[in-house]
């Protein structure tokens, strides 16, 4: 006796689990998870090495940093700050002049300041 295929009837080798690879399973949509998220886990973000502010950034942000420089080195005058204009070499010279620092000490002090900003 031959069985007719119909609802609830399976051929040999078939299971009643849904076929996720059939044409209608995803209906052409992208997966629901955002890029980098699989099974509830996010891929680790790419971390860039931390770098202290460089001299180009000091020049670019001089107007914003001028107040912090004034707070750090109170002996610098407004004329000194206007002359510095974000140039670390001039700042080092002014620190040598106002505070009696050696060139090496002034450079190290500026580097520490830039690393803290």
C-alpha atoms as a PDB file:
ATOM      1  CA  UNK A   1       0.000   0.000   0.000  1.00  0.00           C
ATOM      2  CA  UNK A   2       1.474   3.318  -1.076  1.00  0.00           C
ATOM      3  CA  UNK A   3       1.295   6.300   1.227  1.00  0.00           C
ATOM      4  CA  UNK A   4       0.251   9.640  -0.118  1.00  0.00           C
ATOM      5  CA  UNK A   5       2.337  12.675   0.791  1.00  0.00           C
ATOM      6  CA  UNK A   6       0.392  15.177   2.773  1.00  0.00           C
ATOM      7  CA  UNK A   7       0.405  17.122   6.007  1.00  0.00           C
ATOM      8  CA  UNK A   8       2.142  15.221   8.735  1.00  0.00           C
ATOM      9  CA  UNK A   9       3.644  12.613   6.400  1.00  0.00           C
ATOM     10  CA  UNK A  10       7.409  12.414   5.933  1.00  0.00           C
ATOM     11  CA  UNK A  11       9.562  10.674   3.393  1.00  0.00           C
ATOM     12  CA  UNK A  12      12.441   8.484   4.474  1.00  0.00           C
ATOM     13  CA  UNK A  13      15.315  10.559   5.974  1.00  0.00           C
ATOM     14  CA  UNK A  14      13.206  13.633   6.744  1.00  0.00           C
ATOM     15  CA  UNK A  15      12.768  15.019  10.230  1.00  0.00           C
ATOM     16  CA  UNK A  16      10.097  17.276  11.595  1.00  0.00           C
ATOM     17  CA  UNK A  17      12.682  20.015  12.436  1.00  0.00           C
ATOM     18  CA  UNK A  18      12.252  23.171  10.366  1.00  0.00           C
ATOM     19  CA  UNK A  19      14.570  23.516   7.406  1.00  0.00           C
ATOM     20  CA  UNK A  20      16.467  26.768   8.010  1.00  0.00           C
ATOM     21  CA  UNK A  21      18.124  26.641   4.634  1.00  0.00           C
ATOM     22  CA  UNK A  22      14.929  26.757   2.638  1.00  0.00           C
ATOM     23  CA  UNK A  23      14.190  29.785   0.501  1.00  0.00           C
ATOM     24  CA  UNK A  24      11.663  31.253   2.927  1.00  0.00           C
ATOM     25  CA  UNK A  25      13.748  30.894   6.104  1.00  0.00           C
ATOM     26  CA  UNK A  26      15.346  34.346   5.991  1.00  0.00           C
ATOM     27  CA  UNK A  27      13.282  35.829   3.209  1.00  0.00           C
ATOM     28  CA  UNK A  28      16.278  37.785   1.906  1.00  0.00           C
ATOM     29  CA  UNK A  29      16.783  39.795   5.103  1.00  0.00           C
ATOM     30  CA  UNK A  30      20.126  40.416   6.731  1.00  0.00           C
ATOM     31  CA  UNK A  31      20.846  38.662  10.031  1.00  0.00           C
ATOM     32  CA  UNK A  32      19.352  40.359  13.063  1.00  0.00           C
ATOM     33  CA  UNK A  33      22.605  40.684  14.955  1.00  0.00           C
ATOM     34  CA  UNK A  34      24.808  43.764  14.491  1.00  0.00           C
ATOM     35  CA  UNK A  35      28.182  43.325  12.892  1.00  0.00           C
ATOM     36  CA  UNK A  36      30.633  41.662  15.257  1.00  0.00           C
ATOM     37  CA  UNK A  37      27.998  40.126  17.527  1.00  0.00           C
ATOM     38  CA  UNK A  38      27.551  36.368  17.406  1.00  0.00           C
ATOM     39  CA  UNK A  39      25.624  34.258  19.886  1.00  0.00           C
ATOM     40  CA  UNK A  40      25.404  37.086  22.412  1.00  0.00           C
ATOM     41  CA  UNK A  41      29.111  37.906  22.316  1.00  0.00           C
ATOM     42  CA  UNK A  42      30.785  41.009  20.997  1.00  0.00           C
ATOM     43  CA  UNK A  43      34.159  40.957  19.358  1.00  0.00           C
ATOM     44  CA  UNK A  44      36.799  42.791  21.360  1.00  0.00           C
ATOM     45  CA  UNK A  45      37.244  46.395  20.220  1.00  0.00           C
ATOM     46  CA  UNK A  46      40.514  47.348  18.636  1.00  0.00           C
ATOM     47  CA  UNK A  47      42.421  49.417  21.172  1.00  0.00           C
ATOM     48  CA  UNK A  48      44.898  51.938  19.924  1.00  0.00           C
ATOM     49  CA  UNK A  49      47.964  52.619  22.016  1.00  0.00           C
ATOM     50  CA  UNK A  50      47.620  55.646  24.281  1.00  0.00           C
ATOM     51  CA  UNK A  51      49.840  58.498  23.241  1.00  0.00           C
ATOM     52  CA  UNK A  52      50.431  61.741  25.091  1.00  0.00           C
ATOM     53  CA  UNK A  53      49.607  64.984  23.354  1.00  0.00           C
ATOM     54  CA  UNK A  54      52.209  65.861  20.768  1.00  0.00           C
ATOM     55  CA  UNK A  55      53.578  69.282  19.895  1.00  0.00           C
ATOM     56  CA  UNK A  56      51.323  69.628  16.833  1.00  0.00           C
ATOM     57  CA  UNK A  57      48.272  69.141  19.034  1.00  0.00           C
ATOM     58  CA  UNK A  58      49.646  71.710  21.478  1.00  0.00           C
ATOM     59  CA  UNK A  59      49.853  74.244  18.643  1.00  0.00           C
ATOM     60  CA  UNK A  60      46.372  73.386  17.410  1.00  0.00           C
ATOM     61  CA  UNK A  61      44.774  73.677  20.834  1.00  0.00           C
ATOM     62  CA  UNK A  62      46.901  76.489  22.220  1.00  0.00           C
ATOM     63  CA  UNK A  63      43.988  78.810  22.997  1.00  0.00           C
ATOM     64  CA  UNK A  64      42.266  76.106  25.055  1.00  0.00           C
ATOM     65  CA  UNK A  65      45.494  75.024  26.803  1.00  0.00           C
ATOM     66  CA  UNK A  66      46.814  78.497  27.531  1.00  0.00           C
ATOM     67  CA  UNK A  67      44.905  78.617  30.832  1.00  0.00           C
ATOM     68  CA  UNK A  68      46.301  75.280  31.939  1.00  0.00           C
ATOM     69  CA  UNK A  69      49.832  76.401  31.036  1.00  0.00           C
ATOM     70  CA  UNK A  70      49.279  79.589  33.044  1.00  0.00           C
ATOM     71  CA  UNK A  71      48.080  77.518  36.028  1.00  0.00           C
ATOM     72  CA  UNK A  72      51.062  75.132  35.753  1.00  0.00           C
ATOM     73  CA  UNK A  73      53.684  77.860  35.359  1.00  0.00           C
ATOM     74  CA  UNK A  74      52.360  80.984  37.098  1.00  0.00           C
ATOM     75  CA  UNK A  75      55.528  83.022  36.504  1.00  0.00           C
ATOM     76  CA  UNK A  76      54.871  83.146  32.763  1.00  0.00           C
ATOM     77  CA  UNK A  77      53.448  86.514  31.727  1.00  0.00           C
ATOM     78  CA  UNK A  78      50.717  87.196  29.186  1.00  0.00           C
ATOM     79  CA  UNK A  79      53.429  88.429  26.812  1.00  0.00           C
ATOM     80  CA  UNK A  80      55.285  85.121  27.303  1.00  0.00           C
ATOM     81  CA  UNK A  81      52.149  83.150  26.496  1.00  0.00           C
ATOM     82  CA  UNK A  82      51.521  85.276  23.398  1.00  0.00           C
ATOM     83  CA  UNK A  83      55.088  84.614  22.223  1.00  0.00           C
ATOM     84  CA  UNK A  84      54.890  80.863  22.887  1.00  0.00           C
ATOM     85  CA  UNK A  85      51.827  80.286  20.644  1.00  0.00           C
ATOM     86  CA  UNK A  86      51.971  76.525  21.308  1.00  0.00           C
ATOM     87  CA  UNK A  87      55.620  76.044  20.350  1.00  0.00           C
ATOM     88  CA  UNK A  88      57.335  73.734  22.841  1.00  0.00           C
ATOM     89  CA  UNK A  89      60.821  75.101  22.096  1.00  0.00           C
ATOM     90  CA  UNK A  90      59.768  78.632  23.011  1.00  0.00           C
ATOM     91  CA  UNK A  91      57.945  77.337  26.088  1.00  0.00           C
ATOM     92  CA  UNK A  92      61.121  75.519  27.169  1.00  0.00           C
ATOM     93  CA  UNK A  93      63.111  78.736  26.685  1.00  0.00           C
ATOM     94  CA  UNK A  94      60.625  80.721  28.771  1.00  0.00           C
ATOM     95  CA  UNK A  95      60.767  78.082  31.541  1.00  0.00           C
ATOM     96  CA  UNK A  96      64.561  78.327  31.503  1.00  0.00           C
ATOM     97  CA  UNK A  97      64.339  82.096  31.701  1.00  0.00           C
ATOM     98  CA  UNK A  98      61.607  82.395  34.386  1.00  0.00           C
ATOM     99  CA  UNK A  99      62.383  79.356  36.543  1.00  0.00           C
ATOM    100  CA  UNK A 100      66.135  78.866  36.016  1.00  0.00           C
ATOM    101  CA  UNK A 101      65.670  75.338  34.626  1.00  0.00           C
ATOM    102  CA  UNK A 102      68.186  73.657  32.353  1.00  0.00           C
ATOM    103  CA  UNK A 103      67.056  72.943  28.814  1.00  0.00           C
ATOM    104  CA  UNK A 104      66.772  69.227  29.604  1.00  0.00           C
ATOM    105  CA  UNK A 105      64.745  69.844  32.794  1.00  0.00           C
ATOM    106  CA  UNK A 106      62.400  72.212  30.971  1.00  0.00           C
ATOM    107  CA  UNK A 107      61.840  69.690  28.164  1.00  0.00           C
ATOM    108  CA  UNK A 108      61.072  66.901  30.642  1.00  0.00           C
ATOM    109  CA  UNK A 109      58.681  69.149  32.535  1.00  0.00           C
ATOM    110  CA  UNK A 110      56.842  70.019  29.308  1.00  0.00           C
ATOM    111  CA  UNK A 111      56.636  66.324  28.376  1.00  0.00           C
ATOM    112  CA  UNK A 112      55.114  65.507  31.772  1.00  0.00           C
ATOM    113  CA  UNK A 113      52.641  68.364  31.360  1.00  0.00           C
ATOM    114  CA  UNK A 114      51.612  67.201  27.870  1.00  0.00           C
ATOM    115  CA  UNK A 115      51.199  63.617  29.099  1.00  0.00           C
ATOM    116  CA  UNK A 116      48.850  64.797  31.858  1.00  0.00           C
ATOM    117  CA  UNK A 117      46.653  66.899  29.569  1.00  0.00           C
END
